[in-house]
């Protein structure tokens, strides 16, 4: 078993002073670590009948598409506004200083489809909570949410009540 946490690089003061960015690039560049991460993200949901996996822009696309392939499911991107070419629905959420928005194609999920939500990082939970709302607005049934890294000190799980949350790496403190 590869220690995935050792494949995450800390980049201080990025994107701004005081932030320690969790860079997944070394994990992505290690074929065995990447394969293990995908397997570990998919495993808890292998018997849940997942039909669609979503990935949130942008690093969630990488893991979401690979997990979808592993589970034999389709893949749907959830993007920032103005990036999807057909009719979309959108959901806004609060940031520490302002708001942000995510979108999904209005026909991306059929009512009753079982959906697994994927992103690389769980921080405050706002992005994933908004993405879940989009999928549920379209009638999707969310079977779980999965992340490579969880920044536990930001309590992102608090914005995902009642959801099966699966993470590979938990970071306890800043």
N, C-alpha and C. Protein backbone atom coordinates (compact mmCIF):
# COMPACT_ATOMS: atom_id res chain seq x y z
N UNK A 1 0.84 -1.19 0.00
CA UNK A 1 0.00 0.00 0.00
C UNK A 1 0.88 1.26 0.00
N UNK A 2 0.60 2.14 -0.89
CA UNK A 2 1.34 3.40 -0.99
C UNK A 2 0.74 4.40 0.00
N UNK A 3 1.60 5.13 0.68
CA UNK A 3 1.14 6.21 1.56
C UNK A 3 0.82 7.42 0.68
N UNK A 4 -0.46 7.58 0.36
CA UNK A 4 -0.87 8.65 -0.56
C UNK A 4 -0.54 10.03 -0.02
N UNK A 5 -0.57 10.19 1.28
CA UNK A 5 -0.29 11.50 1.86
C UNK A 5 1.12 11.97 1.50
N UNK A 6 2.04 11.02 1.35
CA UNK A 6 3.41 11.38 0.96
C UNK A 6 3.50 11.81 -0.50
N UNK A 7 2.42 11.63 -1.26
CA UNK A 7 2.38 12.05 -2.66
C UNK A 7 1.68 13.40 -2.82
N UNK A 8 1.36 14.05 -1.70
CA UNK A 8 0.74 15.38 -1.72
C UNK A 8 1.80 16.39 -1.30
N UNK A 9 1.99 17.41 -2.13
CA UNK A 9 3.00 18.43 -1.84
C UNK A 9 2.32 19.65 -1.22
N UNK A 10 2.87 20.15 -0.13
CA UNK A 10 2.39 21.39 0.47
C UNK A 10 3.12 22.57 -0.17
N UNK A 11 2.33 23.53 -0.67
CA UNK A 11 2.90 24.73 -1.28
C UNK A 11 2.46 25.92 -0.44
N UNK A 12 3.39 26.47 0.37
CA UNK A 12 3.01 27.59 1.23
C UNK A 12 2.71 28.87 0.44
N UNK A 13 1.78 29.63 0.99
CA UNK A 13 1.43 30.96 0.46
C UNK A 13 0.92 30.92 -0.98
N UNK A 14 0.16 29.86 -1.31
CA UNK A 14 -0.48 29.77 -2.63
C UNK A 14 -1.93 29.39 -2.42
N UNK A 15 -2.87 30.04 -3.04
CA UNK A 15 -2.74 31.13 -4.01
C UNK A 15 -2.52 32.49 -3.39
N UNK A 16 -2.54 32.55 -2.03
CA UNK A 16 -2.25 33.83 -1.37
C UNK A 16 -1.55 33.55 -0.05
N UNK A 17 -0.95 34.56 0.49
CA UNK A 17 -0.18 34.45 1.74
C UNK A 17 -1.04 33.86 2.85
N UNK A 18 -0.47 32.91 3.57
CA UNK A 18 -1.17 32.29 4.69
C UNK A 18 -1.87 31.00 4.35
N UNK A 19 -2.02 30.69 3.07
CA UNK A 19 -2.67 29.46 2.62
C UNK A 19 -1.58 28.43 2.32
N UNK A 20 -1.80 27.19 2.78
CA UNK A 20 -0.93 26.09 2.40
C UNK A 20 -1.71 25.23 1.41
N UNK A 21 -1.35 25.32 0.14
CA UNK A 21 -2.04 24.62 -0.94
C UNK A 21 -1.63 23.16 -0.95
N UNK A 22 -2.61 22.27 -1.07
CA UNK A 22 -2.37 20.84 -1.16
C UNK A 22 -2.29 20.47 -2.64
N UNK A 23 -1.08 20.28 -3.13
CA UNK A 23 -0.82 20.01 -4.54
C UNK A 23 -0.85 18.51 -4.80
N UNK A 24 -1.79 18.06 -5.64
CA UNK A 24 -1.94 16.63 -5.94
C UNK A 24 -1.09 16.20 -7.14
N UNK A 25 -0.33 17.13 -7.74
CA UNK A 25 0.44 16.81 -8.94
C UNK A 25 1.38 15.62 -8.74
N UNK A 26 2.12 15.52 -7.61
CA UNK A 26 2.98 14.34 -7.44
C UNK A 26 2.18 13.03 -7.41
N UNK A 27 1.01 13.02 -6.82
CA UNK A 27 0.17 11.83 -6.81
C UNK A 27 -0.25 11.47 -8.24
N UNK A 28 -0.66 12.47 -9.00
CA UNK A 28 -1.08 12.23 -10.39
C UNK A 28 0.05 11.68 -11.24
N UNK A 29 1.28 12.09 -10.95
CA UNK A 29 2.43 11.66 -11.73
C UNK A 29 2.96 10.29 -11.38
N UNK A 30 2.42 9.68 -10.34
CA UNK A 30 2.84 8.35 -9.89
C UNK A 30 1.74 7.37 -10.27
N UNK A 31 1.97 6.56 -11.30
CA UNK A 31 0.91 5.70 -11.82
C UNK A 31 0.34 4.75 -10.77
N UNK A 32 1.18 4.22 -9.90
CA UNK A 32 0.69 3.29 -8.88
C UNK A 32 -0.14 4.03 -7.82
N UNK A 33 0.32 5.20 -7.41
CA UNK A 33 -0.43 5.99 -6.43
C UNK A 33 -1.77 6.44 -7.01
N UNK A 34 -1.77 6.85 -8.28
CA UNK A 34 -3.01 7.28 -8.92
C UNK A 34 -3.99 6.12 -9.01
N UNK A 35 -3.50 4.96 -9.42
CA UNK A 35 -4.36 3.78 -9.52
C UNK A 35 -4.94 3.42 -8.15
N UNK A 36 -4.11 3.49 -7.11
CA UNK A 36 -4.58 3.19 -5.76
C UNK A 36 -5.62 4.20 -5.30
N UNK A 37 -5.39 5.48 -5.55
CA UNK A 37 -6.34 6.52 -5.15
C UNK A 37 -7.69 6.30 -5.82
N UNK A 38 -7.68 6.00 -7.11
CA UNK A 38 -8.93 5.77 -7.84
C UNK A 38 -9.65 4.55 -7.28
N UNK A 39 -8.91 3.49 -7.03
CA UNK A 39 -9.51 2.28 -6.47
C UNK A 39 -10.12 2.57 -5.09
N UNK A 40 -9.42 3.31 -4.27
CA UNK A 40 -9.91 3.61 -2.92
C UNK A 40 -11.10 4.57 -2.95
N UNK A 41 -11.16 5.47 -3.92
CA UNK A 41 -12.31 6.35 -4.05
C UNK A 41 -13.54 5.56 -4.50
N UNK A 42 -13.33 4.61 -5.40
CA UNK A 42 -14.45 3.85 -5.98
C UNK A 42 -14.96 2.74 -5.06
N UNK A 43 -14.08 2.10 -4.32
CA UNK A 43 -14.39 0.87 -3.59
C UNK A 43 -15.65 0.94 -2.72
N UNK A 44 -15.85 1.96 -1.89
CA UNK A 44 -17.05 1.97 -1.04
C UNK A 44 -18.37 2.05 -1.81
N UNK A 45 -18.29 2.40 -3.08
CA UNK A 45 -19.50 2.63 -3.88
C UNK A 45 -19.68 1.57 -4.97
N UNK A 46 -18.81 0.57 -4.99
CA UNK A 46 -18.81 -0.43 -6.06
C UNK A 46 -20.11 -1.22 -6.13
N UNK A 47 -20.78 -1.41 -5.01
CA UNK A 47 -22.03 -2.19 -5.01
C UNK A 47 -23.27 -1.31 -4.88
N UNK A 48 -23.13 -0.01 -5.11
CA UNK A 48 -24.24 0.94 -4.93
C UNK A 48 -25.00 1.23 -6.21
N UNK A 49 -24.62 0.60 -7.32
CA UNK A 49 -25.34 0.82 -8.57
C UNK A 49 -25.12 2.20 -9.18
N UNK A 50 -23.94 2.77 -8.97
CA UNK A 50 -23.65 4.11 -9.50
C UNK A 50 -23.78 4.11 -11.02
N UNK A 51 -24.58 5.06 -11.52
CA UNK A 51 -24.77 5.21 -12.97
C UNK A 51 -24.01 6.40 -13.53
N UNK A 52 -23.84 7.43 -12.70
CA UNK A 52 -23.17 8.66 -13.10
C UNK A 52 -22.21 9.07 -11.99
N UNK A 53 -21.03 9.52 -12.40
CA UNK A 53 -20.09 10.14 -11.47
C UNK A 53 -19.92 11.58 -11.92
N UNK A 54 -20.00 12.51 -10.98
CA UNK A 54 -19.73 13.90 -11.30
C UNK A 54 -18.33 14.26 -10.81
N UNK A 55 -17.72 15.20 -11.49
CA UNK A 55 -16.45 15.76 -11.05
C UNK A 55 -16.57 17.26 -11.09
N UNK A 56 -16.09 17.91 -10.03
CA UNK A 56 -16.20 19.37 -9.92
C UNK A 56 -14.92 20.00 -10.42
N UNK A 57 -15.09 21.05 -11.22
CA UNK A 57 -13.96 21.75 -11.85
C UNK A 57 -12.95 22.17 -10.80
N UNK A 58 -11.70 21.99 -11.07
CA UNK A 58 -11.16 21.31 -12.23
C UNK A 58 -10.49 19.98 -11.86
N UNK A 59 -9.90 19.90 -10.70
CA UNK A 59 -9.21 18.65 -10.36
C UNK A 59 -10.18 17.50 -10.10
N UNK A 60 -11.42 17.82 -9.78
CA UNK A 60 -12.43 16.78 -9.64
C UNK A 60 -12.71 16.06 -10.95
N UNK A 61 -12.41 16.74 -12.08
CA UNK A 61 -12.58 16.09 -13.39
C UNK A 61 -11.67 14.88 -13.51
N UNK A 62 -10.44 15.02 -13.04
CA UNK A 62 -9.45 13.96 -13.19
C UNK A 62 -9.92 12.71 -12.44
N UNK A 63 -10.20 12.89 -11.15
CA UNK A 63 -10.59 11.73 -10.33
C UNK A 63 -11.98 11.24 -10.69
N UNK A 64 -12.89 12.16 -10.99
CA UNK A 64 -14.26 11.76 -11.34
C UNK A 64 -14.31 10.89 -12.57
N UNK A 65 -13.58 11.28 -13.61
CA UNK A 65 -13.58 10.49 -14.85
C UNK A 65 -12.97 9.12 -14.64
N UNK A 66 -11.88 9.06 -13.88
CA UNK A 66 -11.23 7.77 -13.63
C UNK A 66 -12.09 6.86 -12.76
N UNK A 67 -12.76 7.43 -11.76
CA UNK A 67 -13.65 6.63 -10.91
C UNK A 67 -14.86 6.15 -11.73
N UNK A 68 -15.37 7.01 -12.60
CA UNK A 68 -16.48 6.60 -13.47
C UNK A 68 -16.07 5.40 -14.31
N UNK A 69 -14.90 5.46 -14.90
CA UNK A 69 -14.42 4.34 -15.71
C UNK A 69 -14.30 3.09 -14.86
N UNK A 70 -13.75 3.22 -13.67
CA UNK A 70 -13.58 2.08 -12.76
C UNK A 70 -14.91 1.44 -12.39
N UNK A 71 -15.96 2.28 -12.22
CA UNK A 71 -17.28 1.79 -11.81
C UNK A 71 -18.18 1.43 -13.00
N UNK A 72 -17.72 1.67 -14.21
CA UNK A 72 -18.55 1.41 -15.38
C UNK A 72 -19.71 2.37 -15.48
N UNK A 73 -19.48 3.61 -15.05
CA UNK A 73 -20.53 4.63 -15.03
C UNK A 73 -20.18 5.74 -16.03
N UNK A 74 -21.16 6.60 -16.29
CA UNK A 74 -20.91 7.79 -17.08
C UNK A 74 -20.28 8.88 -16.23
N UNK A 75 -19.77 9.91 -16.90
CA UNK A 75 -19.15 11.03 -16.20
C UNK A 75 -19.80 12.34 -16.62
N UNK A 76 -20.08 13.19 -15.64
CA UNK A 76 -20.68 14.50 -15.88
C UNK A 76 -19.84 15.57 -15.19
N UNK A 77 -19.39 16.59 -15.93
CA UNK A 77 -18.65 17.68 -15.29
C UNK A 77 -19.58 18.71 -14.66
N UNK A 78 -19.17 19.21 -13.53
CA UNK A 78 -19.82 20.36 -12.89
C UNK A 78 -18.80 21.49 -12.97
N UNK A 79 -19.22 22.60 -13.59
CA UNK A 79 -18.26 23.63 -13.98
C UNK A 79 -18.58 25.00 -13.42
N UNK A 80 -17.61 25.88 -13.57
CA UNK A 80 -17.81 27.29 -13.26
C UNK A 80 -18.71 27.89 -14.33
N UNK A 81 -19.37 29.01 -14.04
CA UNK A 81 -20.32 29.60 -14.99
C UNK A 81 -19.70 29.91 -16.35
N UNK A 82 -20.51 29.69 -17.39
CA UNK A 82 -20.12 30.06 -18.74
C UNK A 82 -19.21 29.07 -19.45
N UNK A 83 -18.96 27.92 -18.86
CA UNK A 83 -18.03 26.94 -19.46
C UNK A 83 -18.75 25.81 -20.18
N UNK A 84 -20.01 25.59 -19.90
CA UNK A 84 -20.76 24.50 -20.53
C UNK A 84 -21.56 25.05 -21.71
N UNK A 85 -21.58 24.34 -22.86
CA UNK A 85 -22.14 24.90 -24.08
C UNK A 85 -23.66 24.84 -24.22
N UNK A 86 -24.33 23.94 -23.54
CA UNK A 86 -25.78 23.81 -23.70
C UNK A 86 -26.49 24.45 -22.49
N UNK A 87 -27.81 24.31 -22.44
CA UNK A 87 -28.60 24.89 -21.36
C UNK A 87 -28.14 24.32 -20.02
N UNK A 88 -27.98 25.21 -19.04
CA UNK A 88 -27.50 24.80 -17.71
C UNK A 88 -28.45 25.25 -16.62
N UNK A 89 -28.25 24.66 -15.45
CA UNK A 89 -28.82 25.21 -14.21
C UNK A 89 -27.63 25.55 -13.33
N UNK A 90 -27.83 26.48 -12.42
CA UNK A 90 -26.72 26.94 -11.60
C UNK A 90 -27.12 27.03 -10.13
N UNK A 91 -26.10 26.95 -9.30
CA UNK A 91 -26.29 27.08 -7.85
C UNK A 91 -25.14 27.92 -7.31
N UNK A 92 -25.49 28.94 -6.52
CA UNK A 92 -24.48 29.79 -5.89
C UNK A 92 -24.28 29.37 -4.45
N UNK A 93 -23.11 29.66 -3.94
CA UNK A 93 -22.80 29.33 -2.55
C UNK A 93 -21.87 30.40 -1.99
N UNK A 94 -21.85 30.50 -0.67
CA UNK A 94 -21.05 31.53 0.00
C UNK A 94 -19.61 31.10 0.16
N UNK A 95 -18.74 32.07 -0.05
CA UNK A 95 -17.33 31.94 0.26
C UNK A 95 -17.05 32.83 1.47
N UNK A 96 -15.84 32.79 1.98
CA UNK A 96 -15.50 33.62 3.12
C UNK A 96 -15.72 35.11 2.80
N UNK A 97 -15.38 35.50 1.57
CA UNK A 97 -15.57 36.89 1.15
C UNK A 97 -16.29 36.94 -0.18
N UNK A 98 -17.57 36.64 -0.19
CA UNK A 98 -18.34 36.73 -1.41
C UNK A 98 -19.08 35.45 -1.75
N UNK A 99 -19.32 35.26 -3.03
CA UNK A 99 -20.08 34.11 -3.52
C UNK A 99 -19.36 33.48 -4.69
N UNK A 100 -19.69 32.23 -4.97
CA UNK A 100 -19.24 31.56 -6.18
C UNK A 100 -20.41 30.75 -6.72
N UNK A 101 -20.27 30.22 -7.91
CA UNK A 101 -21.37 29.52 -8.57
C UNK A 101 -20.83 28.33 -9.33
N UNK A 102 -21.63 27.25 -9.37
CA UNK A 102 -21.33 26.10 -10.22
C UNK A 102 -22.54 25.80 -11.09
N UNK A 103 -22.27 25.15 -12.25
CA UNK A 103 -23.33 24.83 -13.20
C UNK A 103 -23.21 23.39 -13.67
N UNK A 104 -24.35 22.87 -14.14
CA UNK A 104 -24.42 21.56 -14.75
C UNK A 104 -25.39 21.66 -15.92
N UNK A 105 -25.18 20.86 -16.95
CA UNK A 105 -26.15 20.84 -18.04
C UNK A 105 -27.51 20.42 -17.50
N UNK A 106 -28.54 21.06 -17.99
CA UNK A 106 -29.91 20.82 -17.50
C UNK A 106 -30.40 19.41 -17.81
N UNK A 107 -29.77 18.73 -18.75
CA UNK A 107 -30.18 17.37 -19.10
C UNK A 107 -29.13 16.32 -18.70
N UNK A 108 -28.22 16.68 -17.80
CA UNK A 108 -27.09 15.80 -17.46
C UNK A 108 -27.48 14.58 -16.65
N UNK A 109 -28.49 14.72 -15.81
CA UNK A 109 -28.89 13.63 -14.92
C UNK A 109 -30.38 13.38 -15.10
N UNK A 110 -30.74 12.11 -15.24
CA UNK A 110 -32.15 11.76 -15.34
C UNK A 110 -32.70 11.49 -13.94
N UNK A 111 -33.97 11.78 -13.72
CA UNK A 111 -34.58 11.49 -12.41
C UNK A 111 -34.37 10.02 -12.02
N UNK A 112 -33.94 9.83 -10.78
CA UNK A 112 -33.73 8.49 -10.24
C UNK A 112 -32.35 7.92 -10.47
N UNK A 113 -31.53 8.55 -11.32
CA UNK A 113 -30.19 8.02 -11.55
C UNK A 113 -29.37 8.11 -10.27
N UNK A 114 -28.57 7.07 -10.03
CA UNK A 114 -27.69 7.02 -8.86
C UNK A 114 -26.37 7.71 -9.21
N UNK A 115 -26.02 8.70 -8.38
CA UNK A 115 -24.90 9.58 -8.69
C UNK A 115 -23.88 9.58 -7.55
N UNK A 116 -22.62 9.45 -7.92
CA UNK A 116 -21.50 9.61 -6.98
C UNK A 116 -20.82 10.93 -7.30
N UNK A 117 -20.63 11.75 -6.26
CA UNK A 117 -20.03 13.07 -6.41
C UNK A 117 -18.56 13.00 -6.00
N UNK A 118 -17.66 13.55 -6.85
CA UNK A 118 -16.22 13.48 -6.61
C UNK A 118 -15.59 14.86 -6.72
N UNK A 119 -14.68 15.15 -5.79
CA UNK A 119 -13.80 16.30 -5.92
C UNK A 119 -12.47 15.93 -5.27
N UNK A 120 -11.45 16.72 -5.53
CA UNK A 120 -10.15 16.39 -4.96
C UNK A 120 -10.04 16.79 -3.50
N UNK A 121 -10.74 17.86 -3.10
CA UNK A 121 -10.52 18.43 -1.76
C UNK A 121 -11.83 18.85 -1.11
N UNK A 122 -12.01 18.44 0.13
CA UNK A 122 -13.12 18.92 0.96
C UNK A 122 -12.54 19.92 1.94
N UNK A 123 -12.92 21.18 1.75
CA UNK A 123 -12.49 22.25 2.66
C UNK A 123 -13.70 22.69 3.47
N UNK A 124 -14.37 23.76 3.06
CA UNK A 124 -15.53 24.25 3.80
C UNK A 124 -16.82 23.53 3.44
N UNK A 125 -16.82 22.81 2.32
CA UNK A 125 -18.00 22.05 1.91
C UNK A 125 -18.98 22.80 1.03
N UNK A 126 -18.77 24.08 0.82
CA UNK A 126 -19.72 24.88 0.05
C UNK A 126 -19.86 24.45 -1.39
N UNK A 127 -18.74 24.16 -2.04
CA UNK A 127 -18.79 23.77 -3.44
C UNK A 127 -19.54 22.46 -3.61
N UNK A 128 -19.21 21.47 -2.77
CA UNK A 128 -19.88 20.17 -2.90
C UNK A 128 -21.35 20.26 -2.53
N UNK A 129 -21.69 21.05 -1.52
CA UNK A 129 -23.10 21.20 -1.15
C UNK A 129 -23.89 21.79 -2.33
N UNK A 130 -23.32 22.78 -3.01
CA UNK A 130 -23.98 23.38 -4.17
C UNK A 130 -24.10 22.37 -5.31
N UNK A 131 -23.04 21.60 -5.55
CA UNK A 131 -23.07 20.59 -6.60
C UNK A 131 -24.13 19.52 -6.32
N UNK A 132 -24.23 19.11 -5.06
CA UNK A 132 -25.25 18.12 -4.68
C UNK A 132 -26.65 18.68 -4.94
N UNK A 133 -26.85 19.95 -4.62
CA UNK A 133 -28.15 20.57 -4.85
C UNK A 133 -28.51 20.57 -6.33
N UNK A 134 -27.52 20.82 -7.20
CA UNK A 134 -27.77 20.78 -8.64
C UNK A 134 -28.25 19.40 -9.08
N UNK A 135 -27.53 18.37 -8.64
CA UNK A 135 -27.88 16.99 -9.04
C UNK A 135 -29.26 16.62 -8.51
N UNK A 136 -29.57 17.00 -7.29
CA UNK A 136 -30.88 16.67 -6.72
C UNK A 136 -31.99 17.47 -7.38
N UNK A 137 -31.71 18.69 -7.81
CA UNK A 137 -32.69 19.47 -8.55
C UNK A 137 -33.10 18.76 -9.84
N UNK A 138 -32.14 18.07 -10.45
CA UNK A 138 -32.41 17.32 -11.68
C UNK A 138 -33.03 15.94 -11.39
N UNK A 139 -33.18 15.60 -10.11
CA UNK A 139 -33.80 14.33 -9.75
C UNK A 139 -32.83 13.20 -9.48
N UNK A 140 -31.54 13.49 -9.50
CA UNK A 140 -30.54 12.46 -9.22
C UNK A 140 -30.57 12.04 -7.76
N UNK A 141 -30.20 10.78 -7.53
CA UNK A 141 -30.13 10.22 -6.19
C UNK A 141 -28.65 10.08 -5.83
N UNK A 142 -28.19 10.89 -4.90
CA UNK A 142 -26.77 10.89 -4.55
C UNK A 142 -26.49 9.72 -3.60
N UNK A 143 -25.57 8.85 -4.02
CA UNK A 143 -25.23 7.68 -3.20
C UNK A 143 -24.04 7.97 -2.29
N UNK A 144 -23.29 9.03 -2.57
CA UNK A 144 -22.17 9.40 -1.73
C UNK A 144 -21.36 10.51 -2.34
N UNK A 145 -20.46 11.05 -1.52
CA UNK A 145 -19.52 12.07 -1.95
C UNK A 145 -18.13 11.60 -1.53
N UNK A 146 -17.15 11.77 -2.42
CA UNK A 146 -15.81 11.28 -2.13
C UNK A 146 -14.77 12.32 -2.52
N UNK A 147 -13.71 12.35 -1.73
CA UNK A 147 -12.63 13.33 -1.90
C UNK A 147 -11.30 12.63 -1.67
N UNK A 148 -10.27 13.13 -2.30
CA UNK A 148 -8.92 12.64 -2.03
C UNK A 148 -8.47 13.17 -0.68
N UNK A 149 -8.64 14.47 -0.44
CA UNK A 149 -8.14 15.13 0.77
C UNK A 149 -9.29 15.82 1.49
N UNK A 150 -9.28 15.73 2.82
CA UNK A 150 -10.23 16.46 3.66
C UNK A 150 -9.46 17.32 4.64
N UNK A 151 -9.72 18.62 4.63
CA UNK A 151 -9.15 19.53 5.63
C UNK A 151 -10.13 19.57 6.81
N UNK A 152 -9.94 18.65 7.74
CA UNK A 152 -10.90 18.43 8.83
C UNK A 152 -11.15 19.68 9.67
N UNK A 153 -10.12 20.51 9.84
CA UNK A 153 -10.23 21.70 10.68
C UNK A 153 -11.20 22.74 10.11
N UNK A 154 -11.61 22.60 8.85
CA UNK A 154 -12.57 23.52 8.24
C UNK A 154 -14.01 23.01 8.32
N UNK A 155 -14.21 21.78 8.81
CA UNK A 155 -15.53 21.18 9.07
C UNK A 155 -16.45 21.20 7.85
N UNK A 156 -15.91 20.84 6.70
CA UNK A 156 -16.72 20.78 5.49
C UNK A 156 -17.84 19.76 5.56
N UNK A 157 -17.65 18.69 6.34
CA UNK A 157 -18.70 17.68 6.48
C UNK A 157 -19.98 18.29 7.05
N UNK A 158 -19.83 19.37 7.80
CA UNK A 158 -20.99 20.03 8.39
C UNK A 158 -21.96 20.55 7.35
N UNK A 159 -21.49 20.82 6.13
CA UNK A 159 -22.37 21.29 5.05
C UNK A 159 -22.92 20.14 4.22
N UNK A 160 -22.59 18.91 4.62
CA UNK A 160 -23.04 17.73 3.87
C UNK A 160 -23.78 16.76 4.78
N UNK A 161 -24.74 17.25 5.58
CA UNK A 161 -25.41 16.38 6.54
C UNK A 161 -26.19 15.25 5.86
N UNK A 162 -26.13 14.08 6.47
CA UNK A 162 -26.88 12.94 5.96
C UNK A 162 -26.26 12.27 4.74
N UNK A 163 -25.10 12.73 4.32
CA UNK A 163 -24.44 12.16 3.14
C UNK A 163 -23.33 11.20 3.57
N UNK A 164 -23.13 10.14 2.78
CA UNK A 164 -21.98 9.27 3.00
C UNK A 164 -20.77 9.99 2.43
N UNK A 165 -19.86 10.40 3.32
CA UNK A 165 -18.66 11.13 2.94
C UNK A 165 -17.47 10.18 3.07
N UNK A 166 -16.70 10.06 1.99
CA UNK A 166 -15.54 9.18 1.97
C UNK A 166 -14.33 10.00 1.56
N UNK A 167 -13.27 9.99 2.38
CA UNK A 167 -12.04 10.70 2.04
C UNK A 167 -10.85 9.76 2.23
N UNK A 168 -9.80 9.99 1.46
CA UNK A 168 -8.61 9.16 1.53
C UNK A 168 -7.57 9.70 2.50
N UNK A 169 -7.44 11.00 2.57
CA UNK A 169 -6.44 11.64 3.42
C UNK A 169 -7.15 12.69 4.27
N UNK A 170 -7.00 12.59 5.59
CA UNK A 170 -7.58 13.58 6.50
C UNK A 170 -6.44 14.43 7.08
N UNK A 171 -6.57 15.74 6.93
CA UNK A 171 -5.58 16.67 7.48
C UNK A 171 -6.23 17.31 8.70
N UNK A 172 -5.68 17.03 9.88
CA UNK A 172 -6.31 17.46 11.14
C UNK A 172 -6.13 18.97 11.39
N UNK A 173 -4.96 19.51 11.14
CA UNK A 173 -4.72 20.92 11.45
C UNK A 173 -4.10 21.63 10.28
N UNK A 174 -4.09 22.96 10.40
CA UNK A 174 -3.54 23.80 9.34
C UNK A 174 -2.09 23.50 9.18
